[in-house]
C-alpha atoms as a PDB file:
ATOM      1  CA  MET A   1      85.242  94.566  90.273  1.00  0.00           C
ATOM      2  CA  ARG A   2      82.903  95.565  92.843  1.00  0.00           C
ATOM      3  CA  GLN A   3      85.794  95.443  95.492  1.00  0.00           C
ATOM      4  CA  LEU A   4      88.153  97.912  93.790  1.00  0.00           C
ATOM      5  CA  ALA A   5      84.741 100.604  93.485  1.00  0.00           C
ATOM      6  CA  ALA A   6      83.981 100.200  96.833  1.00  0.00           C
ATOM      7  CA  TYR A   7      87.956 100.959  97.959  1.00  0.00           C
ATOM      8  CA  GLU A   8      87.741 103.720  95.987  1.00  0.00           C
ATOM      9  CA  ALA A   9      84.617 105.099  97.408  1.00  0.00           C
ATOM     10  CA  GLN A  10      86.488 104.935 101.047  1.00  0.00           C
ATOM     11  CA  LYS A  11      89.184 106.258  99.548  1.00  0.00           C
ATOM     12  CA  ALA A  12      89.033 109.814 101.090  1.00  0.00           C
ATOM     13  CA  THR A  13      88.362 107.966 104.419  1.00  0.00           C
ATOM     14  CA  LEU A  14      91.268 106.042 104.110  1.00  0.00           C
ATOM     15  CA  GLU A  15      93.358 108.401 103.456  1.00  0.00           C
ATOM     16  CA  LYS A  16      92.628 110.228 106.863  1.00  0.00           C
ATOM     17  CA  MET A  17      93.699 107.150 108.393  1.00  0.00           C
ATOM     18  CA  GLY A  18      97.574 107.452 107.129  1.00  0.00           C
ATOM     19  CA  CYS A  19      96.234 104.171 103.975  1.00  0.00           C
ATOM     20  CA  ALA A  20      96.604 104.018 100.871  1.00  0.00           C
ATOM     21  CA  ILE A  21      95.876 102.076  97.920  1.00  0.00           C
ATOM     22  CA  LEU A  22      97.913  99.982  95.522  1.00  0.00           C
ATOM     23  CA  VAL A  23      96.723  97.074  93.493  1.00  0.00           C
ATOM     24  CA  ALA A  24      98.114  95.098  90.631  1.00  0.00           C
ATOM     25  CA  SER A  25      97.116  92.871  88.480  1.00  0.00           C
ATOM     26  CA  VAL A  26      98.263  90.249  85.237  1.00  0.00           C
ATOM     27  CA  ASP A  27      95.722  92.438  82.949  1.00  0.00           C
ATOM     28  CA  THR A  28      97.607  93.927  80.043  1.00  0.00           C
ATOM     29  CA  GLU A  29      97.673  98.329  80.351  1.00  0.00           C
ATOM     30  CA  GLU A  30      94.934  98.056  77.941  1.00  0.00           C
ATOM     31  CA  GLN A  31      92.925  95.999  80.063  1.00  0.00           C
ATOM     32  CA  ALA A  32      93.956  98.100  83.309  1.00  0.00           C
ATOM     33  CA  ARG A  33      93.222 101.045  81.762  1.00  0.00           C
ATOM     34  CA  LYS A  34      89.892  99.908  81.204  1.00  0.00           C
ATOM     35  CA  VAL A  35      88.869  99.190  84.305  1.00  0.00           C
ATOM     36  CA  VAL A  36      90.729 101.739  86.290  1.00  0.00           C
ATOM     37  CA  GLY A  37      88.081 104.547  83.328  1.00  0.00           C
ATOM     38  CA  SER A  38      85.066 102.424  84.137  1.00  0.00           C
ATOM     39  CA  GLN A  39      85.383 102.276  88.199  1.00  0.00           C
ATOM     40  CA  GLY A  40      86.627 105.470  88.068  1.00  0.00           C
ATOM     41  CA  LEU A  41      89.555 103.977  90.183  1.00  0.00           C
ATOM     42  CA  THR A  42      92.042 106.647  91.766  1.00  0.00           C
ATOM     43  CA  TYR A  43      94.523 104.817  93.131  1.00  0.00           C
ATOM     44  CA  PRO A  44      97.846 103.372  91.404  1.00  0.00           C
ATOM     45  CA  VAL A  45      97.026 100.065  89.623  1.00  0.00           C
ATOM     46  CA  ALA A  46     100.131  97.919  88.857  1.00  0.00           C
ATOM     47  CA  TYR A  47      99.347  95.962  85.699  1.00  0.00           C
ATOM     48  CA  GLY A  48     101.749  93.020  83.844  1.00  0.00           C
ATOM     49  CA  CYS A  49     101.850  90.706  87.160  1.00  0.00           C
ATOM     50  CA  THR A  50     103.801  87.311  86.478  1.00  0.00           C
ATOM     51  CA  ARG A  51     104.677  84.290  88.554  1.00  0.00           C
ATOM     52  CA  GLU A  52     107.806  85.600  89.570  1.00  0.00           C
ATOM     53  CA  ASP A  53     106.166  88.644  91.154  1.00  0.00           C
ATOM     54  CA  ALA A  54     103.799  86.513  92.755  1.00  0.00           C
ATOM     55  CA  ASP A  55     105.894  84.323  94.309  1.00  0.00           C
ATOM     56  CA  LEU A  56     107.867  87.350  95.617  1.00  0.00           C
ATOM     57  CA  ILE A  57     104.887  88.080  97.346  1.00  0.00           C
ATOM     58  CA  GLY A  58     104.219  84.185  98.316  1.00  0.00           C
ATOM     59  CA  ALA A  59     100.547  84.189  96.039  1.00  0.00           C
ATOM     60  CA  TRP A  60      99.456  80.653  94.548  1.00  0.00           C
ATOM     61  CA  TRP A  61      99.575  80.890  90.519  1.00  0.00           C
ATOM     62  CA  GLY A  62      96.906  78.897  89.069  1.00  0.00           C
ATOM     63  CA  GLN A  63      94.114  77.801  86.464  1.00  0.00           C
ATOM     64  CA  HIS A  64      91.374  80.500  86.024  1.00  0.00           C
ATOM     65  CA  PRO A  65      89.278  79.288  83.505  1.00  0.00           C
ATOM     66  CA  PRO A  66      89.404  81.295  80.223  1.00  0.00           C
ATOM     67  CA  ASP A  67      91.962  82.893  80.643  1.00  0.00           C
ATOM     68  CA  GLY A  68      95.124  80.085  81.836  1.00  0.00           C
ATOM     69  CA  GLU A  69      97.289  80.436  84.419  1.00  0.00           C
ATOM     70  CA  HIS A  70      97.726  83.613  86.206  1.00  0.00           C
ATOM     71  CA  ILE A  71      98.578  84.759  90.081  1.00  0.00           C
ATOM     72  CA  GLN A  72      94.941  83.804  92.585  1.00  0.00           C
ATOM     73  CA  PRO A  73      94.224  86.956  94.714  1.00  0.00           C
ATOM     74  CA  ALA A  74      96.106  88.172  97.668  1.00  0.00           C
ATOM     75  CA  GLU A  75      95.454  90.707  99.400  1.00  0.00           C
ATOM     76  CA  PHE A  76      97.748  92.736 102.642  1.00  0.00           C
ATOM     77  CA  LEU A  77      97.430  94.901 104.945  1.00  0.00           C
ATOM     78  CA  LEU A  78     100.599  96.603 105.978  1.00  0.00           C
ATOM     79  CA  GLY A  79     101.658  98.806 109.132  1.00  0.00           C
ATOM     80  CA  ARG A  80     103.977 100.984 109.984  1.00  0.00           C
ATOM     81  CA  GLY A  81     107.102 100.232 108.687  1.00  0.00           C
ATOM     82  CA  GLY A  82     105.678  97.555 106.052  1.00  0.00           C
ATOM     83  CA  THR A  83     104.833  94.778 108.399  1.00  0.00           C
ATOM     84  CA  VAL A  84     102.406  92.672 107.822  1.00  0.00           C
ATOM     85  CA  LEU A  85      99.094  92.944 109.687  1.00  0.00           C
ATOM     86  CA  ALA A  86      96.819  90.709 108.238  1.00  0.00           C
ATOM     87  CA  SER A  87      97.414  88.920 104.701  1.00  0.00           C
ATOM     88  CA  MET A  88      94.675  86.984 102.711  1.00  0.00           C
ATOM     89  CA  TYR A  89      95.567  84.748  99.289  1.00  0.00           C
ATOM     90  CA  ALA A  90      93.151  82.963  98.127  1.00  0.00           C
ATOM     91  CA  SER A  91      92.838  79.955  95.247  1.00  0.00           C
ATOM     92  CA  GLY A  92      89.623  82.115  93.643  1.00  0.00           C
ATOM     93  CA  GLN A  93      87.260  85.003  93.868  1.00  0.00           C
ATOM     94  CA  VAL A  94      86.073  83.771  97.511  1.00  0.00           C
ATOM     95  CA  GLY A  95      87.600  85.507 100.516  1.00  0.00           C
ATOM     96  CA  ARG A  96      88.030  88.650  99.175  1.00  0.00           C
ATOM     97  CA  MET A  97      88.953  91.635 102.614  1.00  0.00           C
ATOM     98  CA  ALA A  98      86.158  93.784 102.896  1.00  0.00           C
ATOM     99  CA  VAL A  99      87.111  97.569 102.887  1.00  0.00           C
ATOM    100  CA  ASP A 100      84.424  97.952 105.992  1.00  0.00           C
ATOM    101  CA  GLU A 101      86.362  95.488 107.391  1.00  0.00           C
ATOM    102  CA  VAL A 102      89.846  96.462 106.650  1.00  0.00           C
ATOM    103  CA  ILE A 103      88.545 100.201 108.260  1.00  0.00           C
ATOM    104  CA  HIS A 104      87.790  98.768 111.695  1.00  0.00           C
ATOM    105  CA  PHE A 105      90.526  96.177 111.603  1.00  0.00           C
ATOM    106  CA  ILE A 106      92.767  99.810 111.154  1.00  0.00           C
ATOM    107  CA  GLU A 107      90.640 101.366 113.917  1.00  0.00           C
ATOM    108  CA  GLY A 108      91.354  98.954 116.080  1.00  0.00           C
ATOM    109  CA  ARG A 109      94.329  98.771 115.630  1.00  0.00           C
ATOM    110  CA  GLU A 110      94.903 102.237 116.450  1.00  0.00           C
ATOM    111  CA  ARG A 111      93.085 102.136 119.502  1.00  0.00           C
ATOM    112  CA  SER A 112      95.236 100.214 120.811  1.00  0.00           C
ATOM    113  CA  ARG A 113      98.524 102.105 119.617  1.00  0.00           C
ATOM    114  CA  LEU A 114      97.199 105.212 121.015  1.00  0.00           C
ATOM    115  CA  ARG A 115      96.223 103.352 124.955  1.00  0.00           C
ATOM    116  CA  GLN A 116      99.320 101.502 124.830  1.00  0.00           C
ATOM    117  CA  GLU A 117     101.048 105.230 124.553  1.00  0.00           C
ATOM    118  CA  ARG A 118      99.008 107.156 126.689  1.00  0.00           C
ATOM    119  CA  GLN A 119      99.913 103.635 129.192  1.00  0.00           C
ATOM    120  CA  GLN A 120     103.894 104.204 128.697  1.00  0.00           C
ATOM    121  CA  GLN A 121     103.773 108.168 128.923  1.00  0.00           C
ATOM    122  CA  GLY A 122     101.739 107.445 132.438  1.00  0.00           C
ATOM    123  CA  ALA A 123     104.002 104.954 133.422  1.00  0.00           C
ATOM    124  CA  GLN A 124     107.190 107.064 133.021  1.00  0.00           C
ATOM    125  CA  PRO A 125     108.714 109.831 135.622  1.00  0.00           C
END
C-alpha cells in the first residue's frame, strides 16, 4: 500500500507531465474503498479483477496465501497512443515500479523526444 500512497504524493508532478494513474485490484468494492480512504487516493481504483482480466493483460494468476488465488502484480507505463513503454510482472511483492524511477524514465524519454524533434526541424529546408 505504500506504493499507492507514493504515487498519490507525486500525482501533481505526474499530471504536469501529462500522466494519469490507474489502479486495478481483485479487492471487493468495500475493500477498495477502505484502501482509497486509508491512503487518501484521488486517482481511479478499479476493483473485482478476475482471472480473465489477468489473462487480458498477461499477468500471472497464482496463489497468494492466505487469500487463495488472485492476480499477481503487473504494472504498465503507457505512452502516447497506448504504446507500452515499460512493464513489470511479478509473482509476489518484489519488483514494483517506484514512482521516482517512473518520473525519471518519463523525463528521459521526453528529453529524447524533444531532442529528436529539434533535429528533425533543423534538417528540414
